[in-house]
Amino acid sequence: MAKAPIGTTRKTGEKCPESGVWKAQSTPSTTIPLSEGETFPPYNGKAVTWKLISYA
């Protein structure tokens, strides 16, 4: 299966499609390492959109 492209986005609660470093699209922002199949967490107590910025 092909890798999810850099820039792929997913929302809190969705399953991670690609292991890598994901950045919260919020202010302030943060990055997290997430493995394929894990669930995207909330950030600062809120649902956010996460963007893939690099592969694991």
PDB file of N, CA and C in Angstrom:
ATOM      1  N   MET A   1       0.842  -1.185   0.000  1.00  0.00           N
ATOM      2  CA  MET A   1       0.000   0.000   0.000  1.00  0.00           C
ATOM      3  C   MET A   1       0.889   1.250   0.000  1.00  0.00           C
ATOM      4  N   ALA A   2       0.494   2.249  -0.760  1.00  0.00           N
ATOM      5  CA  ALA A   2       1.281   3.476  -0.869  1.00  0.00           C
ATOM      6  C   ALA A   2       1.218   4.277   0.423  1.00  0.00           C
ATOM      7  N   LYS A   3       2.291   5.024   0.679  1.00  0.00           N
ATOM      8  CA  LYS A   3       2.324   5.888   1.866  1.00  0.00           C
ATOM      9  C   LYS A   3       1.353   7.045   1.687  1.00  0.00           C
ATOM     10  N   ALA A   4       0.798   7.478   2.819  1.00  0.00           N
ATOM     11  CA  ALA A   4      -0.001   8.708   2.800  1.00  0.00           C
ATOM     12  C   ALA A   4       0.966   9.855   2.497  1.00  0.00           C
ATOM     13  N   PRO A   5       0.596  10.765   1.611  1.00  0.00           N
ATOM     14  CA  PRO A   5       1.527  11.848   1.264  1.00  0.00           C
ATOM     15  C   PRO A   5       1.731  12.841   2.414  1.00  0.00           C
ATOM     16  N   ILE A   6       2.931  13.432   2.465  1.00  0.00           N
ATOM     17  CA  ILE A   6       3.184  14.515   3.415  1.00  0.00           C
ATOM     18  C   ILE A   6       2.119  15.581   3.164  1.00  0.00           C
ATOM     19  N   GLY A   7       1.564  16.111   4.237  1.00  0.00           N
ATOM     20  CA  GLY A   7       0.488  17.099   4.105  1.00  0.00           C
ATOM     21  C   GLY A   7      -0.891  16.507   4.324  1.00  0.00           C
ATOM     22  N   THR A   8      -0.978  15.160   4.420  1.00  0.00           N
ATOM     23  CA  THR A   8      -2.251  14.504   4.713  1.00  0.00           C
ATOM     24  C   THR A   8      -2.779  15.023   6.039  1.00  0.00           C
ATOM     25  N   THR A   9      -4.091  15.229   6.150  1.00  0.00           N
ATOM     26  CA  THR A   9      -4.683  15.691   7.401  1.00  0.00           C
ATOM     27  C   THR A   9      -5.735  14.704   7.897  1.00  0.00           C
ATOM     28  N   ARG A  10      -5.847  14.653   9.219  1.00  0.00           N
ATOM     29  CA  ARG A  10      -6.870  13.847   9.883  1.00  0.00           C
ATOM     30  C   ARG A  10      -7.306  14.607  11.131  1.00  0.00           C
ATOM     31  N   LYS A  11      -8.502  14.291  11.619  1.00  0.00           N
ATOM     32  CA  LYS A  11      -9.050  14.982  12.793  1.00  0.00           C
ATOM     33  C   LYS A  11      -8.929  14.125  14.053  1.00  0.00           C
ATOM     34  N   THR A  12      -8.964  14.783  15.204  1.00  0.00           N
ATOM     35  CA  THR A  12      -8.987  14.100  16.497  1.00  0.00           C
ATOM     36  C   THR A  12     -10.060  13.016  16.462  1.00  0.00           C
ATOM     37  N   GLY A  13      -9.692  11.816  16.944  1.00  0.00           N
ATOM     38  CA  GLY A  13     -10.633  10.692  16.987  1.00  0.00           C
ATOM     39  C   GLY A  13     -10.513   9.748  15.815  1.00  0.00           C
ATOM     40  N   GLU A  14      -9.893  10.209  14.718  1.00  0.00           N
ATOM     41  CA  GLU A  14      -9.707   9.342  13.552  1.00  0.00           C
ATOM     42  C   GLU A  14      -8.470   8.474  13.743  1.00  0.00           C
ATOM     43  N   LYS A  15      -8.377   7.397  12.966  1.00  0.00           N
ATOM     44  CA  LYS A  15      -7.225   6.503  13.021  1.00  0.00           C
ATOM     45  C   LYS A  15      -6.105   7.049  12.133  1.00  0.00           C
ATOM     46  N   CYS A  16      -4.881   6.904  12.626  1.00  0.00           N
ATOM     47  CA  CYS A  16      -3.709   7.381  11.905  1.00  0.00           C
ATOM     48  C   CYS A  16      -3.439   6.487  10.681  1.00  0.00           C
ATOM     49  N   PRO A  17      -3.348   7.082   9.475  1.00  0.00           N
ATOM     50  CA  PRO A  17      -3.117   6.295   8.270  1.00  0.00           C
ATOM     51  C   PRO A  17      -1.639   6.018   7.984  1.00  0.00           C
ATOM     52  N   GLU A  18      -0.731   6.721   8.665  1.00  0.00           N
ATOM     53  CA  GLU A  18       0.700   6.618   8.354  1.00  0.00           C
ATOM     54  C   GLU A  18       1.534   6.973   9.582  1.00  0.00           C
ATOM     55  N   SER A  19       2.485   6.107   9.928  1.00  0.00           N
ATOM     56  CA  SER A  19       3.381   6.402  11.053  1.00  0.00           C
ATOM     57  C   SER A  19       4.265   7.594  10.694  1.00  0.00           C
ATOM     58  N   GLY A  20       4.382   8.527  11.621  1.00  0.00           N
ATOM     59  CA  GLY A  20       5.219   9.687  11.366  1.00  0.00           C
ATOM     60  C   GLY A  20       5.023  10.754  12.411  1.00  0.00           C
ATOM     61  N   VAL A  21       5.472  11.963  12.073  1.00  0.00           N
ATOM     62  CA  VAL A  21       5.315  13.119  12.954  1.00  0.00           C
ATOM     63  C   VAL A  21       4.151  13.943  12.422  1.00  0.00           C
ATOM     64  N   TRP A  22       3.213  14.223  13.312  1.00  0.00           N
ATOM     65  CA  TRP A  22       2.001  14.953  12.957  1.00  0.00           C
ATOM     66  C   TRP A  22       1.959  16.261  13.729  1.00  0.00           C
ATOM     67  N   LYS A  23       1.522  17.329  13.075  1.00  0.00           N
ATOM     68  CA  LYS A  23       1.485  18.666  13.687  1.00  0.00           C
ATOM     69  C   LYS A  23       0.039  19.122  13.840  1.00  0.00           C
ATOM     70  N   ALA A  24      -0.283  19.620  15.036  1.00  0.00           N
ATOM     71  CA  ALA A  24      -1.618  20.167  15.281  1.00  0.00           C
ATOM     72  C   ALA A  24      -1.773  21.466  14.504  1.00  0.00           C
ATOM     73  N   GLN A  25      -2.883  21.584  13.795  1.00  0.00           N
ATOM     74  CA  GLN A  25      -3.166  22.800  13.040  1.00  0.00           C
ATOM     75  C   GLN A  25      -3.968  23.737  13.938  1.00  0.00           C
ATOM     76  N   SER A  26      -3.288  24.268  14.952  1.00  0.00           N
ATOM     77  CA  SER A  26      -3.930  25.132  15.940  1.00  0.00           C
ATOM     78  C   SER A  26      -2.890  26.107  16.475  1.00  0.00           C
ATOM     79  N   THR A  27      -3.354  27.065  17.266  1.00  0.00           N
ATOM     80  CA  THR A  27      -2.458  28.022  17.906  1.00  0.00           C
ATOM     81  C   THR A  27      -2.731  27.977  19.399  1.00  0.00           C
ATOM     82  N   PRO A  28      -1.770  27.621  20.248  1.00  0.00           N
ATOM     83  CA  PRO A  28      -0.426  27.204  19.848  1.00  0.00           C
ATOM     84  C   PRO A  28      -0.464  25.831  19.193  1.00  0.00           C
ATOM     85  N   SER A  29       0.619  25.470  18.546  1.00  0.00           N
ATOM     86  CA  SER A  29       0.695  24.184  17.873  1.00  0.00           C
ATOM     87  C   SER A  29       1.657  23.262  18.622  1.00  0.00           C
ATOM     88  N   THR A  30       1.652  21.999  18.229  1.00  0.00           N
ATOM     89  CA  THR A  30       2.589  21.027  18.773  1.00  0.00           C
ATOM     90  C   THR A  30       2.763  19.927  17.739  1.00  0.00           C
ATOM     91  N   THR A  31       3.782  19.102  17.927  1.00  0.00           N
ATOM     92  CA  THR A  31       3.956  17.933  17.074  1.00  0.00           C
ATOM     93  C   THR A  31       3.955  16.687  17.954  1.00  0.00           C
ATOM     94  N   ILE A  32       3.491  15.581  17.376  1.00  0.00           N
ATOM     95  CA  ILE A  32       3.494  14.305  18.087  1.00  0.00           C
ATOM     96  C   ILE A  32       3.933  13.198  17.133  1.00  0.00           C
ATOM     97  N   PRO A  33       4.640  12.182  17.660  1.00  0.00           N
ATOM     98  CA  PRO A  33       4.887  10.987  16.860  1.00  0.00           C
ATOM     99  C   PRO A  33       3.670  10.075  17.012  1.00  0.00           C
ATOM    100  N   LEU A  34       3.175   9.541  15.915  1.00  0.00           N
ATOM    101  CA  LEU A  34       2.013   8.662  15.981  1.00  0.00           C
ATOM    102  C   LEU A  34       2.235   7.498  15.036  1.00  0.00           C
ATOM    103  N   SER A  35       1.841   6.310  15.467  1.00  0.00           N
ATOM    104  CA  SER A  35       1.989   5.115  14.647  1.00  0.00           C
ATOM    105  C   SER A  35       0.697   4.805  13.911  1.00  0.00           C
ATOM    106  N   GLU A  36       0.833   4.198  12.754  1.00  0.00           N
ATOM    107  CA  GLU A  36      -0.319   3.796  11.959  1.00  0.00           C
ATOM    108  C   GLU A  36      -1.281   2.992  12.823  1.00  0.00           C
ATOM    109  N   GLY A  37      -2.570   3.327  12.755  1.00  0.00           N
ATOM    110  CA  GLY A  37      -3.593   2.612  13.499  1.00  0.00           C
ATOM    111  C   GLY A  37      -3.946   3.238  14.842  1.00  0.00           C
ATOM    112  N   GLU A  38      -3.066   4.123  15.365  1.00  0.00           N
ATOM    113  CA  GLU A  38      -3.382   4.804  16.618  1.00  0.00           C
ATOM    114  C   GLU A  38      -4.448   5.872  16.365  1.00  0.00           C
ATOM    115  N   THR A  39      -5.103   6.302  17.424  1.00  0.00           N
ATOM    116  CA  THR A  39      -6.152   7.317  17.322  1.00  0.00           C
ATOM    117  C   THR A  39      -5.572   8.696  17.616  1.00  0.00           C
ATOM    118  N   PHE A  40      -5.923   9.658  16.771  1.00  0.00           N
ATOM    119  CA  PHE A  40      -5.448  11.029  16.990  1.00  0.00           C
ATOM    120  C   PHE A  40      -6.062  11.599  18.261  1.00  0.00           C
ATOM    121  N   PRO A  41      -5.213  12.175  19.131  1.00  0.00           N
ATOM    122  CA  PRO A  41      -5.707  12.712  20.399  1.00  0.00           C
ATOM    123  C   PRO A  41      -6.198  14.154  20.253  1.00  0.00           C
ATOM    124  N   PRO A  42      -6.936  14.631  21.260  1.00  0.00           N
ATOM    125  CA  PRO A  42      -7.223  16.066  21.310  1.00  0.00           C
ATOM    126  C   PRO A  42      -5.955  16.816  21.714  1.00  0.00           C
ATOM    127  N   TYR A  43      -5.937  18.101  21.503  1.00  0.00           N
ATOM    128  CA  TYR A  43      -4.809  18.942  21.913  1.00  0.00           C
ATOM    129  C   TYR A  43      -5.364  20.151  22.647  1.00  0.00           C
ATOM    130  N   ASN A  44      -4.801  20.442  23.815  1.00  0.00           N
ATOM    131  CA  ASN A  44      -5.286  21.538  24.668  1.00  0.00           C
ATOM    132  C   ASN A  44      -6.776  21.366  24.983  1.00  0.00           C
ATOM    133  N   GLY A  45      -7.211  20.087  25.091  1.00  0.00           N
ATOM    134  CA  GLY A  45      -8.599  19.813  25.450  1.00  0.00           C
ATOM    135  C   GLY A  45      -9.594  20.005  24.326  1.00  0.00           C
ATOM    136  N   LYS A  46      -9.093  20.184  23.102  1.00  0.00           N
ATOM    137  CA  LYS A  46      -9.987  20.435  21.964  1.00  0.00           C
ATOM    138  C   LYS A  46      -9.701  19.465  20.825  1.00  0.00           C
ATOM    139  N   ALA A  47     -10.723  19.211  20.024  1.00  0.00           N
ATOM    140  CA  ALA A  47     -10.533  18.446  18.796  1.00  0.00           C
ATOM    141  C   ALA A  47      -9.801  19.340  17.800  1.00  0.00           C
ATOM    142  N   VAL A  48      -8.770  18.799  17.165  1.00  0.00           N
ATOM    143  CA  VAL A  48      -7.986  19.570  16.196  1.00  0.00           C
ATOM    144  C   VAL A  48      -7.756  18.743  14.936  1.00  0.00           C
ATOM    145  N   THR A  49      -7.266  19.409  13.919  1.00  0.00           N
ATOM    146  CA  THR A  49      -6.819  18.725  12.712  1.00  0.00           C
ATOM    147  C   THR A  49      -5.328  18.518  12.824  1.00  0.00           C
ATOM    148  N   TRP A  50      -4.871  17.292  12.502  1.00  0.00           N
ATOM    149  CA  TRP A  50      -3.446  16.943  12.532  1.00  0.00           C
ATOM    150  C   TRP A  50      -2.943  16.798  11.109  1.00  0.00           C
ATOM    151  N   LYS A  51      -1.729  17.291  10.837  1.00  0.00           N
ATOM    152  CA  LYS A  51      -1.145  17.257   9.497  1.00  0.00           C
ATOM    153  C   LYS A  51       0.171  16.500   9.531  1.00  0.00           C
ATOM    154  N   LEU A  52       0.344  15.550   8.615  1.00  0.00           N
ATOM    155  CA  LEU A  52       1.568  14.767   8.520  1.00  0.00           C
ATOM    156  C   LEU A  52       2.692  15.659   7.984  1.00  0.00           C
ATOM    157  N   ILE A  53       3.788  15.788   8.787  1.00  0.00           N
ATOM    158  CA  ILE A  53       4.896  16.635   8.347  1.00  0.00           C
ATOM    159  C   ILE A  53       6.166  15.850   8.031  1.00  0.00           C
ATOM    160  N   SER A  54       6.281  14.605   8.545  1.00  0.00           N
ATOM    161  CA  SER A  54       7.423  13.757   8.172  1.00  0.00           C
ATOM    162  C   SER A  54       7.107  12.313   8.489  1.00  0.00           C
ATOM    163  N   TYR A  55       7.767  11.413   7.762  1.00  0.00           N
ATOM    164  CA  TYR A  55       7.594   9.983   7.983  1.00  0.00           C
ATOM    165  C   TYR A  55       8.430   9.516   9.158  1.00  0.00           C
ATOM    166  N   ALA A  56       7.986   8.429   9.801  1.00  0.00           N
ATOM    167  CA  ALA A  56       8.711   7.860  10.933  1.00  0.00           C
ATOM    168  C   ALA A  56      10.001   7.223  10.437  1.00  0.00           C
TER     169      ALA A  56
END
